[in-house]
Amino acid sequence: MAMTLNSQEIRSLAQRGELYRQQGQYTQAIDNFNQVIEHDPHHAWAFAHRGVTYRQIKNYQLALADFNQALCLKPDYAWILIHRAYLYSMKKQYDVALLDFDKAMSINDNILPYPLGERSLLLSYLGRYTEAIDCCLQGLQENSGDYISAYNLAVVKAYWQGSAPLEINQARALLQTLMDTAPDRAGILYRLGGLAALENQLEQALNYLQPALILAEEPRELVHHDLAWWRWRADPRFQAVIMQEYER
């Protein structure tokens, strides 16, 4: 007969699973989340965080199944709507990703520090460049430190209009001021690399991209969609950096 756990024991299992996930011990994390779900099949939080863990190990099919189950149990789960939007974006299903993103924002518009910058990314992937630019401008008007909007504004203008020296310089200046203070150092380095790529400075761009990849996995996901890198994706030097595995 299976042992029954009380609510505190289930909570402890879930918290331990999340700690393992944050430490990169994904097998142990999944094992703990599995135990939580076994004892409480309606534990939306455990499905959500197991889904994020599956996404981190690139098992996107299981990640999506868990996100869907979490949202079935809790339809207003804004955090997992954001993560499902990211997953759809990685699968290049940008229209569906935007629907999830907008729904999450309608539920909790404080869930992300720079929501307009993030939204402009999806708009740019969809080729909705005018809307993407407007989104970036609004983001910067609301928060002058919105480095995601500053970067995306430079990228979209350079890609769409052929040149954006003013926006590139402004974005670079903002990113450099944040280099030593922003918690997302990998994101800062990645975007400095993207600006260099826009200026056809591939070696400099890769010198930023490589340490970003060492610090986090997100740049590897972004670079395959980011318009700043589109002309370099077949370049052997770019491929060598992207294909390399990095220990964190």
C-alpha atoms as a PDB file:
ATOM      1  CA  MET A   1       0.000   0.000   0.000  1.00  0.00           C
ATOM      2  CA  ALA A   2       1.411   3.413  -0.973  1.00  0.00           C
ATOM      3  CA  MET A   3       2.389   5.691   1.905  1.00  0.00           C
ATOM      4  CA  THR A   4       0.147   8.705   2.368  1.00  0.00           C
ATOM      5  CA  LEU A   5       1.835  12.063   2.823  1.00  0.00           C
ATOM      6  CA  ASN A   6       0.338  15.026   4.619  1.00  0.00           C
ATOM      7  CA  SER A   7       0.193  18.502   3.066  1.00  0.00           C
ATOM      8  CA  GLN A   8       3.397  19.684   4.771  1.00  0.00           C
ATOM      9  CA  GLU A   9       5.343  16.672   3.506  1.00  0.00           C
ATOM     10  CA  ILE A  10       4.041  17.243  -0.031  1.00  0.00           C
ATOM     11  CA  ARG A  11       5.011  20.920   0.204  1.00  0.00           C
ATOM     12  CA  SER A  12       8.509  19.968   1.353  1.00  0.00           C
ATOM     13  CA  LEU A  13       8.895  17.561  -1.574  1.00  0.00           C
ATOM     14  CA  ALA A  14       7.819  20.267  -4.002  1.00  0.00           C
ATOM     15  CA  GLN A  15      10.209  22.828  -2.525  1.00  0.00           C
ATOM     16  CA  ARG A  16      13.064  20.335  -2.599  1.00  0.00           C
ATOM     17  CA  GLY A  17      12.312  19.601  -6.252  1.00  0.00           C
ATOM     18  CA  GLU A  18      12.459  23.303  -7.067  1.00  0.00           C
ATOM     19  CA  LEU A  19      15.761  23.649  -5.221  1.00  0.00           C
ATOM     20  CA  TYR A  20      17.195  20.776  -7.259  1.00  0.00           C
ATOM     21  CA  ARG A  21      15.936  22.450 -10.444  1.00  0.00           C
ATOM     22  CA  GLN A  22      17.587  25.753  -9.584  1.00  0.00           C
ATOM     23  CA  GLN A  23      20.832  23.907  -8.871  1.00  0.00           C
ATOM     24  CA  GLY A  24      20.718  22.178 -12.250  1.00  0.00           C
ATOM     25  CA  GLN A  25      20.103  18.724 -10.732  1.00  0.00           C
ATOM     26  CA  TYR A  26      17.257  17.987 -13.114  1.00  0.00           C
ATOM     27  CA  THR A  27      16.891  14.233 -12.562  1.00  0.00           C
ATOM     28  CA  GLN A  28      16.473  14.743  -8.820  1.00  0.00           C
ATOM     29  CA  ALA A  29      14.079  17.634  -9.433  1.00  0.00           C
ATOM     30  CA  ILE A  30      11.849  15.546 -11.688  1.00  0.00           C
ATOM     31  CA  ASP A  31      11.891  12.681  -9.208  1.00  0.00           C
ATOM     32  CA  ASN A  32      10.635  14.987  -6.448  1.00  0.00           C
ATOM     33  CA  PHE A  33       7.962  16.542  -8.658  1.00  0.00           C
ATOM     34  CA  ASN A  34       6.862  13.034  -9.701  1.00  0.00           C
ATOM     35  CA  GLN A  35       6.366  12.119  -6.056  1.00  0.00           C
ATOM     36  CA  VAL A  36       4.346  15.263  -5.429  1.00  0.00           C
ATOM     37  CA  ILE A  37       2.077  14.549  -8.388  1.00  0.00           C
ATOM     38  CA  GLU A  38       1.704  10.902  -7.373  1.00  0.00           C
ATOM     39  CA  HIS A  39       0.361  11.986  -3.976  1.00  0.00           C
ATOM     40  CA  ASP A  40      -1.553  15.005  -5.266  1.00  0.00           C
ATOM     41  CA  PRO A  41      -2.610  14.740  -8.952  1.00  0.00           C
ATOM     42  CA  HIS A  42      -4.164  18.230  -8.742  1.00  0.00           C
ATOM     43  CA  HIS A  43      -0.944  19.979  -7.728  1.00  0.00           C
ATOM     44  CA  ALA A  44      -0.741  22.577 -10.517  1.00  0.00           C
ATOM     45  CA  TRP A  45       2.480  24.045  -9.120  1.00  0.00           C
ATOM     46  CA  ALA A  46       4.281  20.695  -9.383  1.00  0.00           C
ATOM     47  CA  PHE A  47       3.141  20.186 -12.980  1.00  0.00           C
ATOM     48  CA  ALA A  48       4.263  23.718 -13.823  1.00  0.00           C
ATOM     49  CA  HIS A  49       7.719  23.386 -12.319  1.00  0.00           C
ATOM     50  CA  ARG A  50       8.236  19.888 -13.682  1.00  0.00           C
ATOM     51  CA  GLY A  51       7.336  21.322 -17.092  1.00  0.00           C
ATOM     52  CA  VAL A  52       9.967  24.035 -16.722  1.00  0.00           C
ATOM     53  CA  THR A  53      12.475  21.350 -15.761  1.00  0.00           C
ATOM     54  CA  TYR A  54      11.623  19.320 -18.862  1.00  0.00           C
ATOM     55  CA  ARG A  55      12.040  22.443 -20.959  1.00  0.00           C
ATOM     56  CA  GLN A  56      15.482  23.006 -19.465  1.00  0.00           C
ATOM     57  CA  ILE A  57      16.577  19.516 -20.496  1.00  0.00           C
ATOM     58  CA  LYS A  58      15.015  20.105 -23.938  1.00  0.00           C
ATOM     59  CA  ASN A  59      12.232  17.551 -23.600  1.00  0.00           C
ATOM     60  CA  TYR A  60       9.746  19.943 -25.136  1.00  0.00           C
ATOM     61  CA  GLN A  61       6.967  17.406 -25.643  1.00  0.00           C
ATOM     62  CA  LEU A  62       6.778  16.542 -21.943  1.00  0.00           C
ATOM     63  CA  ALA A  63       7.219  20.204 -21.014  1.00  0.00           C
ATOM     64  CA  LEU A  64       4.218  21.204 -23.108  1.00  0.00           C
ATOM     65  CA  ALA A  65       2.126  18.354 -21.672  1.00  0.00           C
ATOM     66  CA  ASP A  66       2.884  19.545 -18.134  1.00  0.00           C
ATOM     67  CA  PHE A  67       2.182  23.188 -18.974  1.00  0.00           C
ATOM     68  CA  ASN A  68      -1.161  22.175 -20.469  1.00  0.00           C
ATOM     69  CA  GLN A  69      -2.041  20.120 -17.407  1.00  0.00           C
ATOM     70  CA  ALA A  70      -1.071  22.937 -15.051  1.00  0.00           C
ATOM     71  CA  LEU A  71      -3.310  25.323 -16.996  1.00  0.00           C
ATOM     72  CA  CYS A  72      -6.127  22.800 -17.046  1.00  0.00           C
ATOM     73  CA  LEU A  73      -5.955  22.736 -13.257  1.00  0.00           C
ATOM     74  CA  LYS A  74      -5.410  26.498 -12.935  1.00  0.00           C
ATOM     75  CA  PRO A  75      -6.427  28.452 -16.085  1.00  0.00           C
ATOM     76  CA  ASP A  76      -5.304  31.825 -14.677  1.00  0.00           C
ATOM     77  CA  TYR A  77      -1.746  30.621 -13.986  1.00  0.00           C
ATOM     78  CA  ALA A  78       0.076  33.609 -15.510  1.00  0.00           C
ATOM     79  CA  TRP A  79       3.585  32.329 -14.748  1.00  0.00           C
ATOM     80  CA  ILE A  80       3.066  29.135 -16.717  1.00  0.00           C
ATOM     81  CA  LEU A  81       1.336  30.982 -19.557  1.00  0.00           C
ATOM     82  CA  ILE A  82       4.591  32.932 -19.934  1.00  0.00           C
ATOM     83  CA  HIS A  83       6.633  29.736 -19.937  1.00  0.00           C
ATOM     84  CA  ARG A  84       4.323  28.119 -22.471  1.00  0.00           C
ATOM     85  CA  ALA A  85       4.653  31.246 -24.616  1.00  0.00           C
ATOM     86  CA  TYR A  86       8.452  30.864 -24.488  1.00  0.00           C
ATOM     87  CA  LEU A  87       8.119  27.221 -25.475  1.00  0.00           C
ATOM     88  CA  TYR A  88       5.820  28.009 -28.402  1.00  0.00           C
ATOM     89  CA  SER A  89       8.273  30.711 -29.470  1.00  0.00           C
ATOM     90  CA  MET A  90      11.138  28.202 -29.497  1.00  0.00           C
ATOM     91  CA  LYS A  91       8.985  25.980 -31.706  1.00  0.00           C
ATOM     92  CA  LYS A  92       8.483  29.038 -33.984  1.00  0.00           C
ATOM     93  CA  GLN A  93       4.752  29.086 -33.252  1.00  0.00           C
ATOM     94  CA  TYR A  94       4.931  32.810 -32.657  1.00  0.00           C
ATOM     95  CA  ASP A  95       1.234  33.569 -33.138  1.00  0.00           C
ATOM     96  CA  VAL A  96       0.224  31.089 -30.425  1.00  0.00           C
ATOM     97  CA  ALA A  97       3.037  32.348 -28.208  1.00  0.00           C
ATOM     98  CA  LEU A  98       1.710  35.902 -28.493  1.00  0.00           C
ATOM     99  CA  LEU A  99      -1.779  34.772 -27.469  1.00  0.00           C
ATOM    100  CA  ASP A 100      -0.388  33.129 -24.323  1.00  0.00           C
ATOM    101  CA  PHE A 101       1.806  36.135 -23.592  1.00  0.00           C
ATOM    102  CA  ASP A 102      -1.062  38.604 -23.880  1.00  0.00           C
ATOM    103  CA  LYS A 103      -3.330  36.448 -21.736  1.00  0.00           C
ATOM    104  CA  ALA A 104      -0.646  36.267 -19.027  1.00  0.00           C
ATOM    105  CA  MET A 105      -0.261  40.050 -19.090  1.00  0.00           C
ATOM    106  CA  SER A 106      -4.028  40.510 -18.794  1.00  0.00           C
ATOM    107  CA  ILE A 107      -3.920  38.404 -15.621  1.00  0.00           C
ATOM    108  CA  ASN A 108      -0.763  39.891 -14.082  1.00  0.00           C
ATOM    109  CA  ASP A 109       1.015  42.723 -15.848  1.00  0.00           C
ATOM    110  CA  ASN A 110       3.784  42.750 -13.211  1.00  0.00           C
ATOM    111  CA  ILE A 111       4.969  39.223 -13.863  1.00  0.00           C
ATOM    112  CA  LEU A 112       7.888  40.410 -16.019  1.00  0.00           C
ATOM    113  CA  PRO A 113      10.179  43.399 -15.432  1.00  0.00           C
ATOM    114  CA  TYR A 114      10.061  44.533 -19.075  1.00  0.00           C
ATOM    115  CA  PRO A 115       6.852  43.138 -20.599  1.00  0.00           C
ATOM    116  CA  LEU A 116       6.724  45.509 -23.565  1.00  0.00           C
ATOM    117  CA  GLY A 117      10.263  44.600 -24.546  1.00  0.00           C
ATOM    118  CA  GLU A 118       9.403  40.916 -24.348  1.00  0.00           C
ATOM    119  CA  ARG A 119       6.231  41.435 -26.374  1.00  0.00           C
ATOM    120  CA  SER A 120       8.128  43.339 -29.052  1.00  0.00           C
ATOM    121  CA  LEU A 121      10.268  40.239 -29.597  1.00  0.00           C
ATOM    122  CA  LEU A 122       7.258  38.153 -30.565  1.00  0.00           C
ATOM    123  CA  LEU A 123       5.931  40.904 -32.796  1.00  0.00           C
ATOM    124  CA  SER A 124       9.279  41.123 -34.597  1.00  0.00           C
ATOM    125  CA  TYR A 125       9.351  37.345 -35.098  1.00  0.00           C
ATOM    126  CA  LEU A 126       5.911  37.652 -36.699  1.00  0.00           C
ATOM    127  CA  GLY A 127       7.173  40.359 -39.049  1.00  0.00           C
ATOM    128  CA  ARG A 128       4.936  42.972 -37.427  1.00  0.00           C
ATOM    129  CA  TYR A 129       7.757  45.498 -37.372  1.00  0.00           C
ATOM    130  CA  THR A 130       5.762  48.715 -36.961  1.00  0.00           C
ATOM    131  CA  GLU A 131       3.968  47.268 -33.934  1.00  0.00           C
ATOM    132  CA  ALA A 132       7.265  45.973 -32.546  1.00  0.00           C
ATOM    133  CA  ILE A 133       8.851  49.422 -32.818  1.00  0.00           C
ATOM    134  CA  ASP A 134       5.843  51.078 -31.179  1.00  0.00           C
ATOM    135  CA  CYS A 135       6.003  48.520 -28.375  1.00  0.00           C
ATOM    136  CA  CYS A 136       9.697  49.258 -27.782  1.00  0.00           C
ATOM    137  CA  LEU A 137       9.138  53.015 -27.764  1.00  0.00           C
ATOM    138  CA  GLN A 138       6.328  52.641 -25.250  1.00  0.00           C
ATOM    139  CA  GLY A 139       8.499  50.370 -23.113  1.00  0.00           C
ATOM    140  CA  LEU A 140      11.318  52.940 -23.049  1.00  0.00           C
ATOM    141  CA  GLN A 141       8.870  55.748 -22.320  1.00  0.00           C
ATOM    142  CA  GLU A 142       7.580  53.855 -19.305  1.00  0.00           C
ATOM    143  CA  ASN A 143      11.043  52.745 -18.153  1.00  0.00           C
ATOM    144  CA  SER A 144      14.242  54.265 -19.557  1.00  0.00           C
ATOM    145  CA  GLY A 145      16.161  51.269 -18.183  1.00  0.00           C
ATOM    146  CA  ASP A 146      14.215  48.770 -20.313  1.00  0.00           C
ATOM    147  CA  TYR A 147      17.253  47.323 -22.067  1.00  0.00           C
ATOM    148  CA  ILE A 148      15.168  44.671 -23.834  1.00  0.00           C
ATOM    149  CA  SER A 149      13.110  47.359 -25.570  1.00  0.00           C
ATOM    150  CA  ALA A 150      16.246  49.382 -26.363  1.00  0.00           C
ATOM    151  CA  TYR A 151      17.918  46.355 -27.920  1.00  0.00           C
ATOM    152  CA  ASN A 152      14.866  45.212 -29.863  1.00  0.00           C
ATOM    153  CA  LEU A 153      14.300  48.721 -31.176  1.00  0.00           C
ATOM    154  CA  ALA A 154      17.820  48.766 -32.615  1.00  0.00           C
ATOM    155  CA  VAL A 155      17.490  45.262 -34.051  1.00  0.00           C
ATOM    156  CA  VAL A 156      14.114  45.789 -35.724  1.00  0.00           C
ATOM    157  CA  LYS A 157      15.059  49.146 -37.190  1.00  0.00           C
ATOM    158  CA  ALA A 158      18.399  47.853 -38.497  1.00  0.00           C
ATOM    159  CA  TYR A 159      16.823  44.709 -39.963  1.00  0.00           C
ATOM    160  CA  TRP A 160      13.753  46.396 -41.432  1.00  0.00           C
ATOM    161  CA  GLN A 161      15.165  49.756 -42.459  1.00  0.00           C
ATOM    162  CA  GLY A 162      18.744  48.694 -43.236  1.00  0.00           C
ATOM    163  CA  SER A 163      20.474  50.979 -40.735  1.00  0.00           C
ATOM    164  CA  ALA A 164      19.945  52.191 -37.173  1.00  0.00           C
ATOM    165  CA  PRO A 165      23.227  53.709 -35.891  1.00  0.00           C
ATOM    166  CA  LEU A 166      21.535  56.002 -33.350  1.00  0.00           C
ATOM    167  CA  GLU A 167      19.433  53.214 -31.831  1.00  0.00           C
ATOM    168  CA  ILE A 168      22.404  50.812 -31.788  1.00  0.00           C
ATOM    169  CA  ASN A 169      24.583  53.326 -29.960  1.00  0.00           C
ATOM    170  CA  GLN A 170      21.831  54.161 -27.477  1.00  0.00           C
ATOM    171  CA  ALA A 171      21.171  50.499 -26.758  1.00  0.00           C
ATOM    172  CA  ARG A 172      24.875  49.758 -26.364  1.00  0.00           C
ATOM    173  CA  ALA A 173      25.342  52.654 -23.944  1.00  0.00           C
ATOM    174  CA  LEU A 174      22.424  51.430 -21.796  1.00  0.00           C
ATOM    175  CA  LEU A 175      23.652  47.820 -21.807  1.00  0.00           C
ATOM    176  CA  GLN A 176      27.171  48.858 -20.821  1.00  0.00           C
ATOM    177  CA  THR A 177      25.874  50.841 -17.846  1.00  0.00           C
ATOM    178  CA  LEU A 178      24.054  47.710 -16.662  1.00  0.00           C
ATOM    179  CA  MET A 179      26.927  45.290 -17.208  1.00  0.00           C
ATOM    180  CA  ASP A 180      28.021  45.082 -13.566  1.00  0.00           C
ATOM    181  CA  THR A 181      24.686  45.642 -11.839  1.00  0.00           C
ATOM    182  CA  ALA A 182      21.949  43.803 -13.740  1.00  0.00           C
ATOM    183  CA  PRO A 183      21.132  40.286 -12.460  1.00  0.00           C
ATOM    184  CA  ASP A 184      20.810  39.099 -16.071  1.00  0.00           C
ATOM    185  CA  ARG A 185      24.491  39.415 -16.996  1.00  0.00           C
ATOM    186  CA  ALA A 186      24.105  36.699 -19.645  1.00  0.00           C
ATOM    187  CA  GLY A 187      21.307  38.684 -21.285  1.00  0.00           C
ATOM    188  CA  ILE A 188      23.401  41.858 -21.267  1.00  0.00           C
ATOM    189  CA  LEU A 189      26.380  40.132 -22.873  1.00  0.00           C
ATOM    190  CA  TYR A 190      24.150  38.407 -25.404  1.00  0.00           C
ATOM    191  CA  ARG A 191      22.593  41.682 -26.507  1.00  0.00           C
ATOM    192  CA  LEU A 192      25.935  43.462 -26.756  1.00  0.00           C
ATOM    193  CA  GLY A 193      26.915  40.640 -29.079  1.00  0.00           C
ATOM    194  CA  GLY A 194      23.763  41.107 -31.111  1.00  0.00           C
ATOM    195  CA  LEU A 195      24.521  44.797 -31.601  1.00  0.00           C
ATOM    196  CA  ALA A 196      28.014  43.935 -32.821  1.00  0.00           C
ATOM    197  CA  ALA A 197      26.488  41.374 -35.198  1.00  0.00           C
ATOM    198  CA  LEU A 198      24.243  44.094 -36.614  1.00  0.00           C
ATOM    199  CA  GLU A 199      27.362  46.136 -37.359  1.00  0.00           C
ATOM    200  CA  ASN A 200      29.000  43.174 -39.139  1.00  0.00           C
ATOM    201  CA  GLN A 201      31.578  42.806 -36.358  1.00  0.00           C
ATOM    202  CA  LEU A 202      31.286  39.025 -36.071  1.00  0.00           C
ATOM    203  CA  GLU A 203      34.428  38.341 -34.035  1.00  0.00           C
ATOM    204  CA  GLN A 204      33.454  40.958 -31.475  1.00  0.00           C
ATOM    205  CA  ALA A 205      29.892  39.621 -31.479  1.00  0.00           C
ATOM    206  CA  LEU A 206      31.090  36.090 -30.769  1.00  0.00           C
ATOM    207  CA  ASN A 207      33.357  37.372 -27.994  1.00  0.00           C
ATOM    208  CA  TYR A 208      30.196  38.539 -26.240  1.00  0.00           C
ATOM    209  CA  LEU A 209      28.070  35.549 -27.197  1.00  0.00           C
ATOM    210  CA  GLN A 210      30.410  32.858 -25.895  1.00  0.00           C
ATOM    211  CA  PRO A 211      30.529  34.044 -22.245  1.00  0.00           C
ATOM    212  CA  ALA A 212      26.757  34.593 -22.384  1.00  0.00           C
ATOM    213  CA  LEU A 213      26.344  30.926 -23.355  1.00  0.00           C
ATOM    214  CA  ILE A 214      28.616  29.866 -20.506  1.00  0.00           C
ATOM    215  CA  LEU A 215      26.471  31.764 -18.007  1.00  0.00           C
ATOM    216  CA  ALA A 216      22.994  30.680 -19.140  1.00  0.00           C
ATOM    217  CA  GLU A 217      21.018  28.608 -21.636  1.00  0.00           C
ATOM    218  CA  GLU A 218      18.599  31.347 -22.677  1.00  0.00           C
ATOM    219  CA  PRO A 219      20.994  33.015 -25.172  1.00  0.00           C
ATOM    220  CA  ARG A 220      21.248  29.733 -27.078  1.00  0.00           C
ATOM    221  CA  GLU A 221      17.460  29.708 -27.391  1.00  0.00           C
ATOM    222  CA  LEU A 222      17.232  33.363 -28.410  1.00  0.00           C
ATOM    223  CA  VAL A 223      19.995  33.386 -30.991  1.00  0.00           C
ATOM    224  CA  HIS A 224      18.127  31.057 -33.355  1.00  0.00           C
ATOM    225  CA  HIS A 225      15.261  33.557 -33.631  1.00  0.00           C
ATOM    226  CA  ASP A 226      16.936  36.928 -33.121  1.00  0.00           C
ATOM    227  CA  LEU A 227      16.978  39.038 -36.296  1.00  0.00           C
ATOM    228  CA  ALA A 228      20.363  40.485 -35.261  1.00  0.00           C
ATOM    229  CA  TRP A 229      22.027  37.168 -36.049  1.00  0.00           C
ATOM    230  CA  TRP A 230      20.112  36.097 -39.153  1.00  0.00           C
ATOM    231  CA  ARG A 231      22.930  36.775 -41.649  1.00  0.00           C
ATOM    232  CA  TRP A 232      25.485  34.846 -39.581  1.00  0.00           C
ATOM    233  CA  ARG A 233      23.573  31.644 -38.859  1.00  0.00           C
ATOM    234  CA  ALA A 234      25.326  29.624 -41.571  1.00  0.00           C
ATOM    235  CA  ASP A 235      28.780  31.027 -40.804  1.00  0.00           C
ATOM    236  CA  PRO A 236      31.143  28.293 -39.526  1.00  0.00           C
ATOM    237  CA  ARG A 237      32.528  30.592 -36.820  1.00  0.00           C
ATOM    238  CA  PHE A 238      29.037  31.217 -35.478  1.00  0.00           C
ATOM    239  CA  GLN A 239      28.133  27.532 -35.690  1.00  0.00           C
ATOM    240  CA  ALA A 240      31.279  26.541 -33.797  1.00  0.00           C
ATOM    241  CA  VAL A 241      30.322  28.754 -30.851  1.00  0.00           C
ATOM    242  CA  ILE A 242      26.666  27.698 -30.836  1.00  0.00           C
ATOM    243  CA  MET A 243      27.360  23.967 -31.097  1.00  0.00           C
ATOM    244  CA  GLN A 244      29.878  23.934 -28.269  1.00  0.00           C
ATOM    245  CA  GLU A 245      28.711  22.605 -24.919  1.00  0.00           C
ATOM    246  CA  TYR A 246      29.479  24.728 -21.874  1.00  0.00           C
ATOM    247  CA  GLU A 247      29.581  23.688 -18.232  1.00  0.00           C
ATOM    248  CA  ARG A 248      27.915  26.025 -15.771  1.00  0.00           C
END
